Structures are given as structure tokens and as C-alpha cells.
Amino acid sequence: MTSETALKEAGASETARPLLNVNNIEVIYDHVILVLKGVSLEVPEGGIVALLGANGAGKTTTLKAISNLLHAERGEVTKGSIEVSGERVDSMSPNELVKRGVIQVMEGRHCFEHLTVEENLLTGAYTRRDGRKAIADSLEKVYHYFPRLKERRTSQAGYTSGGEQQMTAIGRALMANPHMILLDEPSMGLAPQLVEEIFEIVSDLNKKERVSFLLAEQNTMAALRYAEYGYILENGRVVMDGDAAALRENEDVKEFYLGLASGGRKSFRDVKHYRRRKRWL
């Protein structure tokens, strides 16, 4: 094997290695309640991956397991492993994980309501040690992607709209210079037009800033339009995964999550769950 071939193969294996690797994890709450049962997934460097499923399927628990926020809710990962860039992170503190560039944007936005929009954004830079100039540059970058926030920079976050609060939460995560953002239900409670706007910005950040996203969503149609790959959770298990385009065309996904069947629109009441479920379990 020539040195040139060896270098090419080494480069290919480096490219193939995922940024995030969740391997067969189980999560238990209060030492009793089994919530996740052998969940495995990968997020490639610079990719957008959708984590889909109904309310209560285990999407938020999966994100909190990755970002190590389970202990605050008396939960723990009891089996499996979680790696970021090939390094085990499941025993790290949330603070250490943030320093490694993995940031979670919580469901429900969770802005500091009494602070201004700009003060909220600046809290995202609390782990950085690269000086005021770099932080000011990051702030301008956030305002470039979210021009509406620049207009509302001096407004108290609690008096801004739901869409503006969601933008503030994503912008705050961006201030930490992340490699990957875990985005939990960004469309929740927002008008369709705002949902579209936020997903477009997420896509823009992914392409231009090379930020990877793991996107937990109930809005399956929107998520699969912007993601490259998807995993579907049901009762704490991954029941299906594949390229986003293939999942969009899958009859089971159409019927369960989009309310569509090959014969046209169908009510969830009319779906015989036990017959469908046998196809993927």
C-alpha cells in the first residue's frame, strides 16, 4: 500500500466517524422506571439528524441523556455508552460537555424573562475564555442570522413573542461556539410561518457554520424536510431509521405521523395499530 493510499484511507475513516455516537443506552428514573430501552443513534459531523416520535416516546429523555441533565430529574444511564468525537462523555458534567461544544436548547425555550434579549444571549458565552472581542463578534453573528433579535435586543425577553424567545434560545446556544446543538421541540407552540423561518435558520447555520444538529420533533413533516437522516422512537425504542427522503415516502410513517395513507388522508382512529406495528417491531 502506498503512503498516498494510506493517507486517503485514513482520511475516509476520519470522515466516517460520527460526531455523536449513542450506543445501546438504557435510562431509568428513580431506580425503577425504564424509559429508554437500547437506543442507538449517530450524528455525523456537519449533519442534521431528526429524532421523531409522539409525545412521551422518549425524545427529550434521549437528549437529556446525551447532555447529562438526567441527574437533576433522578434519572441515569444504566447501560450503553455515549461518545462525542470518539470520547466517552456519559460521566462528564453538563458544564464539561458545554466546553466540548455540545449544547442543548431545552423544550419550551426557557429564557431568563427578567433579562433583555441581549443579556440572554451573552449568558451563552459564560464558558468562553477567548476575550471580549471574540464574544462581540459572535454576538454580531447571532444578529446576522436572527435580525429580529437585533431589533429587540433591549427588550425584556419575557415580553417578546414565542418565536422571538425560541430564536433567543438558539442564539444563546450559538454564543457558546458549539460543534453540535441538541434542539428539543423548536416548533412547539409556534405558528407554521415561524416554524418554517426557524428551520430555515437552522439549515443555514448547518451549511454555513457547520454546526451539527440533533433535532427532537413531533412535527415530522417539517423535521424530515430539513434533516438528512431520521430515527423514530416509540415507547423508548428506535423502531425505524433511515434517510429522511425514504422516511417521508414510507407508508407507515405517512399513516402514523402524517395522517396519510395510500388511499388519501385517514383518521388516526381508523388505523389498526397492531397490524402496522408488526412491520417494524
C-alpha atoms as a PDB file:
ATOM      1  CA  MET A   1       0.000   0.000   0.000  1.00  0.00           C
ATOM      2  CA  THR A   2       1.436   3.373  -0.988  1.00  0.00           C
ATOM      3  CA  SER A   3       1.662   6.219   1.515  1.00  0.00           C
ATOM      4  CA  GLU A   4      -0.825   8.194  -0.617  1.00  0.00           C
ATOM      5  CA  THR A   5      -3.383   5.365  -0.451  1.00  0.00           C
ATOM      6  CA  ALA A   6      -2.870   5.030   3.298  1.00  0.00           C
ATOM      7  CA  LEU A   7      -3.482   8.753   3.767  1.00  0.00           C
ATOM      8  CA  LYS A   8      -6.677   8.579   1.698  1.00  0.00           C
ATOM      9  CA  GLU A   9      -7.980   5.634   3.709  1.00  0.00           C
ATOM     10  CA  ALA A  10      -7.118   7.382   6.983  1.00  0.00           C
ATOM     11  CA  GLY A  11      -8.992  10.464   5.789  1.00  0.00           C
ATOM     12  CA  ALA A  12     -12.012   8.382   4.775  1.00  0.00           C
ATOM     13  CA  SER A  13     -12.187   6.650   8.164  1.00  0.00           C
ATOM     14  CA  GLU A  14     -11.903  10.032   9.918  1.00  0.00           C
ATOM     15  CA  THR A  15     -14.788  11.376   7.830  1.00  0.00           C
ATOM     16  CA  ALA A  16     -16.872   8.287   8.519  1.00  0.00           C
ATOM     17  CA  ARG A  17     -16.542   8.612  12.306  1.00  0.00           C
ATOM     18  CA  PRO A  18     -19.669  10.248  13.734  1.00  0.00           C
ATOM     19  CA  LEU A  19     -19.510  13.367  15.869  1.00  0.00           C
ATOM     20  CA  LEU A  20     -22.044  11.800  18.255  1.00  0.00           C
ATOM     21  CA  ASN A  21     -22.398   8.074  18.849  1.00  0.00           C
ATOM     22  CA  VAL A  22     -25.137   6.837  21.207  1.00  0.00           C
ATOM     23  CA  ASN A  23     -24.687   3.106  21.650  1.00  0.00           C
ATOM     24  CA  ASN A  24     -27.467   0.924  23.086  1.00  0.00           C
ATOM     25  CA  ILE A  25     -28.313   3.119  26.099  1.00  0.00           C
ATOM     26  CA  GLU A  26     -30.927   2.407  28.749  1.00  0.00           C
ATOM     27  CA  VAL A  27     -32.281   5.122  31.030  1.00  0.00           C
ATOM     28  CA  ILE A  28     -34.003   4.506  34.364  1.00  0.00           C
ATOM     29  CA  TYR A  29     -35.762   7.088  36.559  1.00  0.00           C
ATOM     30  CA  ASP A  30     -35.989   6.663  40.355  1.00  0.00           C
ATOM     31  CA  HIS A  31     -34.122   3.310  40.053  1.00  0.00           C
ATOM     32  CA  VAL A  32     -37.385   1.745  38.837  1.00  0.00           C
ATOM     33  CA  ILE A  33     -38.936   3.298  35.717  1.00  0.00           C
ATOM     34  CA  LEU A  34     -37.316   2.100  32.483  1.00  0.00           C
ATOM     35  CA  VAL A  35     -37.757   4.883  29.911  1.00  0.00           C
ATOM     36  CA  LEU A  36     -35.208   4.178  27.154  1.00  0.00           C
ATOM     37  CA  LYS A  37     -34.563   0.592  26.069  1.00  0.00           C
ATOM     38  CA  GLY A  38     -31.449   0.080  23.959  1.00  0.00           C
ATOM     39  CA  VAL A  39     -31.455   3.343  21.993  1.00  0.00           C
ATOM     40  CA  SER A  40     -28.653   3.738  19.432  1.00  0.00           C
ATOM     41  CA  LEU A  41     -28.120   6.634  17.032  1.00  0.00           C
ATOM     42  CA  GLU A  42     -25.403   8.607  15.275  1.00  0.00           C
ATOM     43  CA  VAL A  43     -24.983  12.228  14.231  1.00  0.00           C
ATOM     44  CA  PRO A  44     -22.295  12.849  11.582  1.00  0.00           C
ATOM     45  CA  GLU A  45     -20.024  15.877  11.594  1.00  0.00           C
ATOM     46  CA  GLY A  46     -21.931  18.753   9.963  1.00  0.00           C
ATOM     47  CA  GLY A  47     -25.215  16.818   9.702  1.00  0.00           C
ATOM     48  CA  ILE A  48     -28.830  17.338  10.734  1.00  0.00           C
ATOM     49  CA  VAL A  49     -30.480  14.259  12.258  1.00  0.00           C
ATOM     50  CA  ALA A  50     -34.146  14.145  13.280  1.00  0.00           C
ATOM     51  CA  LEU A  51     -35.356  12.247  16.347  1.00  0.00           C
ATOM     52  CA  LEU A  52     -39.062  11.698  15.790  1.00  0.00           C
ATOM     53  CA  GLY A  53     -41.970  10.260  17.727  1.00  0.00           C
ATOM     54  CA  ALA A  54     -45.150  11.051  19.575  1.00  0.00           C
ATOM     55  CA  ASN A  55     -45.292  12.848  22.924  1.00  0.00           C
ATOM     56  CA  GLY A  56     -43.827  10.560  25.589  1.00  0.00           C
ATOM     57  CA  ALA A  57     -41.839   8.411  23.147  1.00  0.00           C
ATOM     58  CA  GLY A  58     -38.528   9.277  24.853  1.00  0.00           C
ATOM     59  CA  LYS A  59     -37.126  12.061  22.650  1.00  0.00           C
ATOM     60  CA  THR A  60     -36.437  14.579  25.445  1.00  0.00           C
ATOM     61  CA  THR A  61     -35.003  11.848  27.694  1.00  0.00           C
ATOM     62  CA  THR A  62     -32.588  10.881  24.900  1.00  0.00           C
ATOM     63  CA  LEU A  63     -31.372  14.483  24.569  1.00  0.00           C
ATOM     64  CA  LYS A  64     -31.003  14.857  28.338  1.00  0.00           C
ATOM     65  CA  ALA A  65     -29.051  11.594  28.494  1.00  0.00           C
ATOM     66  CA  ILE A  66     -26.623  12.989  25.900  1.00  0.00           C
ATOM     67  CA  SER A  67     -26.256  16.364  27.641  1.00  0.00           C
ATOM     68  CA  ASN A  68     -26.021  14.731  31.109  1.00  0.00           C
ATOM     69  CA  LEU A  69     -29.030  16.550  32.553  1.00  0.00           C
ATOM     70  CA  LEU A  70     -30.775  13.402  33.809  1.00  0.00           C
ATOM     71  CA  HIS A  71     -29.412  13.501  37.362  1.00  0.00           C
ATOM     72  CA  ALA A  72     -31.386  16.668  38.102  1.00  0.00           C
ATOM     73  CA  GLU A  73     -34.540  14.594  37.490  1.00  0.00           C
ATOM     74  CA  ARG A  74     -33.377  11.450  39.329  1.00  0.00           C
ATOM     75  CA  GLY A  75     -32.595   9.660  36.098  1.00  0.00           C
ATOM     76  CA  GLU A  76     -29.449   7.846  34.992  1.00  0.00           C
ATOM     77  CA  VAL A  77     -27.966   5.969  32.051  1.00  0.00           C
ATOM     78  CA  THR A  78     -27.612   2.409  33.339  1.00  0.00           C
ATOM     79  CA  LYS A  79     -26.341   0.676  30.174  1.00  0.00           C
ATOM     80  CA  GLY A  80     -24.586   1.570  26.954  1.00  0.00           C
ATOM     81  CA  SER A  81     -22.274   4.453  26.115  1.00  0.00           C
ATOM     82  CA  ILE A  82     -22.331   7.979  24.674  1.00  0.00           C
ATOM     83  CA  GLU A  83     -19.346   9.295  22.724  1.00  0.00           C
ATOM     84  CA  VAL A  84     -18.582  12.713  21.254  1.00  0.00           C
ATOM     85  CA  SER A  85     -15.715  12.763  18.726  1.00  0.00           C
ATOM     86  CA  GLY A  86     -14.727   9.283  19.931  1.00  0.00           C
ATOM     87  CA  GLU A  87     -14.533  10.289  23.625  1.00  0.00           C
ATOM     88  CA  ARG A  88     -16.847   8.855  26.294  1.00  0.00           C
ATOM     89  CA  VAL A  89     -18.896  11.699  27.779  1.00  0.00           C
ATOM     90  CA  ASP A  90     -21.621   9.932  29.800  1.00  0.00           C
ATOM     91  CA  SER A  91     -19.763  10.513  33.083  1.00  0.00           C
ATOM     92  CA  MET A  92     -18.967  14.178  32.414  1.00  0.00           C
ATOM     93  CA  SER A  93     -20.792  17.100  33.984  1.00  0.00           C
ATOM     94  CA  PRO A  94     -23.084  19.232  31.778  1.00  0.00           C
ATOM     95  CA  ASN A  95     -20.571  22.074  32.161  1.00  0.00           C
ATOM     96  CA  GLU A  96     -17.721  19.950  30.796  1.00  0.00           C
ATOM     97  CA  LEU A  97     -19.885  18.911  27.855  1.00  0.00           C
ATOM     98  CA  VAL A  98     -20.699  22.546  27.034  1.00  0.00           C
ATOM     99  CA  LYS A  99     -16.962  23.274  26.964  1.00  0.00           C
ATOM    100  CA  ARG A 100     -16.619  20.464  24.399  1.00  0.00           C
ATOM    101  CA  GLY A 101     -19.178  22.191  22.200  1.00  0.00           C
ATOM    102  CA  VAL A 102     -22.353  20.164  22.857  1.00  0.00           C
ATOM    103  CA  ILE A 103     -25.255  22.459  23.797  1.00  0.00           C
ATOM    104  CA  GLN A 104     -28.913  21.611  24.466  1.00  0.00           C
ATOM    105  CA  VAL A 105     -31.737  24.029  23.677  1.00  0.00           C
ATOM    106  CA  MET A 106     -34.491  22.934  26.027  1.00  0.00           C
ATOM    107  CA  GLU A 107     -38.112  22.361  25.108  1.00  0.00           C
ATOM    108  CA  GLY A 108     -40.199  25.436  25.958  1.00  0.00           C
ATOM    109  CA  ARG A 109     -37.338  27.898  25.273  1.00  0.00           C
ATOM    110  CA  HIS A 110     -36.508  28.738  28.955  1.00  0.00           C
ATOM    111  CA  CYS A 111     -35.275  32.297  28.505  1.00  0.00           C
ATOM    112  CA  PHE A 112     -34.431  34.458  31.516  1.00  0.00           C
ATOM    113  CA  GLU A 113     -37.590  36.548  31.387  1.00  0.00           C
ATOM    114  CA  HIS A 114     -36.307  39.472  33.502  1.00  0.00           C
ATOM    115  CA  LEU A 115     -33.182  39.924  31.330  1.00  0.00           C
ATOM    116  CA  THR A 116     -33.073  41.669  27.966  1.00  0.00           C
ATOM    117  CA  VAL A 117     -32.687  39.672  24.759  1.00  0.00           C
ATOM    118  CA  GLU A 118     -29.021  40.691  24.513  1.00  0.00           C
ATOM    119  CA  GLU A 119     -28.312  39.808  28.144  1.00  0.00           C
ATOM    120  CA  ASN A 120     -29.863  36.384  27.496  1.00  0.00           C
ATOM    121  CA  LEU A 121     -27.593  35.886  24.502  1.00  0.00           C
ATOM    122  CA  LEU A 122     -24.488  36.887  26.468  1.00  0.00           C
ATOM    123  CA  THR A 123     -25.207  34.255  29.140  1.00  0.00           C
ATOM    124  CA  GLY A 124     -24.463  31.666  26.444  1.00  0.00           C
ATOM    125  CA  ALA A 125     -20.817  32.784  26.383  1.00  0.00           C
ATOM    126  CA  TYR A 126     -20.147  32.177  30.094  1.00  0.00           C
ATOM    127  CA  THR A 127     -17.746  29.245  29.457  1.00  0.00           C
ATOM    128  CA  ARG A 128     -15.667  31.120  26.888  1.00  0.00           C
ATOM    129  CA  ARG A 129     -12.205  32.492  27.669  1.00  0.00           C
ATOM    130  CA  ASP A 130     -11.299  33.997  24.292  1.00  0.00           C
ATOM    131  CA  GLY A 131     -11.880  37.662  25.172  1.00  0.00           C
ATOM    132  CA  ARG A 132     -14.490  40.368  24.681  1.00  0.00           C
ATOM    133  CA  LYS A 133     -13.701  40.941  21.011  1.00  0.00           C
ATOM    134  CA  ALA A 134     -14.440  37.292  20.098  1.00  0.00           C
ATOM    135  CA  ILE A 135     -17.671  37.359  22.115  1.00  0.00           C
ATOM    136  CA  ALA A 136     -18.732  40.630  20.454  1.00  0.00           C
ATOM    137  CA  ASP A 137     -18.054  39.045  17.034  1.00  0.00           C
ATOM    138  CA  SER A 138     -20.214  36.050  17.991  1.00  0.00           C
ATOM    139  CA  LEU A 139     -22.995  38.386  19.080  1.00  0.00           C
ATOM    140  CA  GLU A 140     -22.923  40.125  15.699  1.00  0.00           C
ATOM    141  CA  LYS A 141     -23.025  36.711  14.022  1.00  0.00           C
ATOM    142  CA  VAL A 142     -26.160  35.830  16.017  1.00  0.00           C
ATOM    143  CA  TYR A 143     -27.755  39.125  14.959  1.00  0.00           C
ATOM    144  CA  HIS A 144     -26.842  38.323  11.346  1.00  0.00           C
ATOM    145  CA  TYR A 145     -28.793  35.044  11.481  1.00  0.00           C
ATOM    146  CA  PHE A 146     -31.561  36.462  13.689  1.00  0.00           C
ATOM    147  CA  PRO A 147     -32.072  40.087  12.570  1.00  0.00           C
ATOM    148  CA  ARG A 148     -35.311  40.246  14.557  1.00  0.00           C
ATOM    149  CA  LEU A 149     -33.307  39.807  17.765  1.00  0.00           C
ATOM    150  CA  LYS A 150     -31.185  42.828  16.911  1.00  0.00           C
ATOM    151  CA  GLU A 151     -34.366  44.897  16.722  1.00  0.00           C
ATOM    152  CA  ARG A 152     -35.495  43.570  20.127  1.00  0.00           C
ATOM    153  CA  ARG A 153     -32.054  43.473  21.802  1.00  0.00           C
ATOM    154  CA  THR A 154     -33.051  45.866  24.619  1.00  0.00           C
ATOM    155  CA  SER A 155     -36.497  44.333  25.239  1.00  0.00           C
ATOM    156  CA  GLN A 156     -37.106  42.089  28.241  1.00  0.00           C
ATOM    157  CA  ALA A 157     -37.211  38.509  26.979  1.00  0.00           C
ATOM    158  CA  GLY A 158     -40.405  37.823  28.924  1.00  0.00           C
ATOM    159  CA  TYR A 159     -42.244  40.407  26.805  1.00  0.00           C
ATOM    160  CA  THR A 160     -41.150  39.009  23.429  1.00  0.00           C
ATOM    161  CA  SER A 161     -43.157  36.581  21.291  1.00  0.00           C
ATOM    162  CA  GLY A 162     -42.797  32.800  21.395  1.00  0.00           C
ATOM    163  CA  GLY A 163     -40.914  32.825  18.118  1.00  0.00           C
ATOM    164  CA  GLU A 164     -38.513  35.501  19.349  1.00  0.00           C
ATOM    165  CA  GLN A 165     -37.905  33.553  22.555  1.00  0.00           C
ATOM    166  CA  GLN A 166     -37.122  30.425  20.512  1.00  0.00           C
ATOM    167  CA  MET A 167     -34.688  32.468  18.410  1.00  0.00           C
ATOM    168  CA  THR A 168     -33.133  33.826  21.616  1.00  0.00           C
ATOM    169  CA  ALA A 169     -32.668  30.295  22.970  1.00  0.00           C
ATOM    170  CA  ILE A 170     -30.962  29.095  19.762  1.00  0.00           C
ATOM    171  CA  GLY A 171     -28.888  32.290  19.573  1.00  0.00           C
ATOM    172  CA  ARG A 172     -27.787  31.806  23.187  1.00  0.00           C
ATOM    173  CA  ALA A 173     -26.592  28.278  22.290  1.00  0.00           C
ATOM    174  CA  LEU A 174     -24.750  29.699  19.287  1.00  0.00           C
ATOM    175  CA  MET A 175     -22.869  32.103  21.578  1.00  0.00           C
ATOM    176  CA  ALA A 176     -21.039  29.103  23.093  1.00  0.00           C
ATOM    177  CA  ASN A 177     -19.379  28.293  19.730  1.00  0.00           C
ATOM    178  CA  PRO A 178     -20.981  24.824  19.584  1.00  0.00           C
ATOM    179  CA  HIS A 179     -19.998  21.883  17.404  1.00  0.00           C
ATOM    180  CA  MET A 180     -23.439  20.364  17.971  1.00  0.00           C
ATOM    181  CA  ILE A 181     -26.804  21.644  19.193  1.00  0.00           C
ATOM    182  CA  LEU A 182     -29.422  19.325  20.695  1.00  0.00           C
ATOM    183  CA  LEU A 183     -32.651  21.076  19.729  1.00  0.00           C
ATOM    184  CA  ASP A 184     -35.762  19.956  21.599  1.00  0.00           C
ATOM    185  CA  GLU A 185     -39.185  20.638  20.006  1.00  0.00           C
ATOM    186  CA  PRO A 186     -38.347  24.016  18.392  1.00  0.00           C
ATOM    187  CA  SER A 187     -41.766  24.156  16.668  1.00  0.00           C
ATOM    188  CA  MET A 188     -43.816  23.738  19.856  1.00  0.00           C
ATOM    189  CA  GLY A 189     -46.497  26.410  20.201  1.00  0.00           C
ATOM    190  CA  LEU A 190     -45.381  28.385  17.146  1.00  0.00           C
ATOM    191  CA  ALA A 191     -47.311  29.411  14.037  1.00  0.00           C
ATOM    192  CA  PRO A 192     -46.403  27.457  10.861  1.00  0.00           C
ATOM    193  CA  GLN A 193     -44.766  30.514   9.278  1.00  0.00           C
ATOM    194  CA  LEU A 194     -42.462  30.950  12.294  1.00  0.00           C
ATOM    195  CA  VAL A 195     -41.670  27.235  12.333  1.00  0.00           C
ATOM    196  CA  GLU A 196     -40.575  27.492   8.706  1.00  0.00           C
ATOM    197  CA  GLU A 197     -38.430  30.543   9.483  1.00  0.00           C
ATOM    198  CA  ILE A 198     -36.670  28.851  12.401  1.00  0.00           C
ATOM    199  CA  PHE A 199     -35.990  25.655  10.440  1.00  0.00           C
ATOM    200  CA  GLU A 200     -34.554  27.739   7.582  1.00  0.00           C
ATOM    201  CA  ILE A 201     -32.177  29.427  10.037  1.00  0.00           C
ATOM    202  CA  VAL A 202     -31.179  26.025  11.478  1.00  0.00           C
ATOM    203  CA  SER A 203     -30.424  24.819   7.934  1.00  0.00           C
ATOM    204  CA  ASP A 204     -28.414  27.987   7.277  1.00  0.00           C
ATOM    205  CA  LEU A 205     -26.365  27.532  10.467  1.00  0.00           C
ATOM    206  CA  ASN A 206     -25.685  23.939   9.494  1.00  0.00           C
ATOM    207  CA  LYS A 207     -24.470  24.801   5.999  1.00  0.00           C
ATOM    208  CA  LYS A 208     -22.509  27.981   6.733  1.00  0.00           C
ATOM    209  CA  GLU A 209     -21.234  27.412  10.280  1.00  0.00           C
ATOM    210  CA  ARG A 210     -21.003  23.590  10.082  1.00  0.00           C
ATOM    211  CA  VAL A 211     -22.975  23.192  13.318  1.00  0.00           C
ATOM    212  CA  SER A 212     -24.406  19.684  13.652  1.00  0.00           C
ATOM    213  CA  PHE A 213     -27.980  19.301  14.926  1.00  0.00           C
ATOM    214  CA  LEU A 214     -29.865  16.515  16.666  1.00  0.00           C
ATOM    215  CA  LEU A 215     -33.446  17.676  16.313  1.00  0.00           C
ATOM    216  CA  ALA A 216     -36.180  16.157  18.509  1.00  0.00           C
ATOM    217  CA  GLU A 217     -39.554  16.910  16.928  1.00  0.00           C
ATOM    218  CA  GLN A 218     -43.210  15.883  16.846  1.00  0.00           C
ATOM    219  CA  ASN A 219     -43.641  17.888  13.624  1.00  0.00           C
ATOM    220  CA  THR A 220     -42.448  15.003  11.452  1.00  0.00           C
ATOM    221  CA  MET A 221     -43.132  16.637   8.099  1.00  0.00           C
ATOM    222  CA  ALA A 222     -41.070  19.765   8.886  1.00  0.00           C
ATOM    223  CA  ALA A 223     -38.213  17.836  10.517  1.00  0.00           C
ATOM    224  CA  LEU A 224     -37.806  15.382   7.629  1.00  0.00           C
ATOM    225  CA  ARG A 225     -37.789  18.232   5.129  1.00  0.00           C
ATOM    226  CA  TYR A 226     -34.627  19.701   6.688  1.00  0.00           C
ATOM    227  CA  ALA A 227     -32.873  16.650   8.160  1.00  0.00           C
ATOM    228  CA  GLU A 228     -30.695  14.220   6.236  1.00  0.00           C
ATOM    229  CA  TYR A 229     -31.428  11.187   8.419  1.00  0.00           C
ATOM    230  CA  GLY A 230     -34.122  10.275  10.912  1.00  0.00           C
ATOM    231  CA  TYR A 231     -34.797   7.943  13.839  1.00  0.00           C
ATOM    232  CA  ILE A 232     -38.336   7.163  15.007  1.00  0.00           C
ATOM    233  CA  LEU A 233     -38.851   6.427  18.700  1.00  0.00           C
ATOM    234  CA  GLU A 234     -41.811   4.582  20.129  1.00  0.00           C
ATOM    235  CA  ASN A 235     -42.109   3.638  23.813  1.00  0.00           C
ATOM    236  CA  GLY A 236     -38.412   4.259  24.413  1.00  0.00           C
ATOM    237  CA  ARG A 237     -37.141   2.202  21.463  1.00  0.00           C
ATOM    238  CA  VAL A 238     -35.908   3.085  17.993  1.00  0.00           C
ATOM    239  CA  VAL A 239     -38.476   1.356  15.783  1.00  0.00           C
ATOM    240  CA  MET A 240     -37.306   2.721  12.434  1.00  0.00           C
ATOM    241  CA  ASP A 241     -34.467   4.750  10.965  1.00  0.00           C
ATOM    242  CA  GLY A 242     -33.260   5.774   7.526  1.00  0.00           C
ATOM    243  CA  ASP A 243     -32.598   8.611   5.105  1.00  0.00           C
ATOM    244  CA  ALA A 244     -35.068  11.458   5.553  1.00  0.00           C
ATOM    245  CA  ALA A 245     -36.293  11.189   1.948  1.00  0.00           C
ATOM    246  CA  ALA A 246     -37.017   7.454   2.384  1.00  0.00           C
ATOM    247  CA  LEU A 247     -38.855   8.033   5.679  1.00  0.00           C
ATOM    248  CA  ARG A 248     -41.021  10.736   4.090  1.00  0.00           C
ATOM    249  CA  GLU A 249     -42.172   8.209   1.481  1.00  0.00           C
ATOM    250  CA  ASN A 250     -42.628   5.297   3.905  1.00  0.00           C
ATOM    251  CA  GLU A 251     -46.291   4.222   4.185  1.00  0.00           C
ATOM    252  CA  ASP A 252     -46.054   3.507   7.917  1.00  0.00           C
ATOM    253  CA  VAL A 253     -44.600   6.945   8.638  1.00  0.00           C
ATOM    254  CA  LYS A 254     -47.225   8.613   6.455  1.00  0.00           C
ATOM    255  CA  GLU A 255     -50.041   6.797   8.225  1.00  0.00           C
ATOM    256  CA  PHE A 256     -48.837   7.098  11.821  1.00  0.00           C
ATOM    257  CA  TYR A 257     -47.211  10.514  11.864  1.00  0.00           C
ATOM    258  CA  LEU A 258     -48.602  12.452   8.906  1.00  0.00           C
ATOM    259  CA  GLY A 259     -52.189  11.129   8.984  1.00  0.00           C
ATOM    260  CA  LEU A 260     -51.883   9.986   5.373  1.00  0.00           C
ATOM    261  CA  ALA A 261     -52.350   6.585   3.788  1.00  0.00           C
ATOM    262  CA  SER A 262     -52.018   5.338   0.230  1.00  0.00           C
ATOM    263  CA  GLY A 263     -55.759   5.887  -0.189  1.00  0.00           C
ATOM    264  CA  GLY A 264     -55.578   9.513   0.962  1.00  0.00           C
ATOM    265  CA  ARG A 265     -55.962  11.235   4.328  1.00  0.00           C
ATOM    266  CA  LYS A 266     -57.017   8.968   7.158  1.00  0.00           C
ATOM    267  CA  SER A 267     -58.069   9.483  10.763  1.00  0.00           C
ATOM    268  CA  PHE A 268     -55.800   8.028  13.457  1.00  0.00           C
ATOM    269  CA  ARG A 269     -58.895   6.247  14.766  1.00  0.00           C
ATOM    270  CA  ASP A 270     -59.089   4.252  11.567  1.00  0.00           C
ATOM    271  CA  VAL A 271     -55.521   2.954  11.796  1.00  0.00           C
ATOM    272  CA  LYS A 272     -55.200  -0.639  13.005  1.00  0.00           C
ATOM    273  CA  HIS A 273     -52.086  -0.122  15.097  1.00  0.00           C
ATOM    274  CA  TYR A 274     -51.404  -3.778  15.755  1.00  0.00           C
ATOM    275  CA  ARG A 275     -51.283  -4.578  12.030  1.00  0.00           C
ATOM    276  CA  ARG A 276     -48.997  -1.693  11.202  1.00  0.00           C
ATOM    277  CA  ARG A 277     -46.735  -2.196  14.162  1.00  0.00           C
ATOM    278  CA  LYS A 278     -45.774  -5.717  13.117  1.00  0.00           C
ATOM    279  CA  ARG A 279     -43.957  -4.255  10.140  1.00  0.00           C
ATOM    280  CA  TRP A 280     -41.313  -2.535  12.233  1.00  0.00           C
ATOM    281  CA  LEU A 281     -41.180  -4.332  15.607  1.00  0.00           C
END
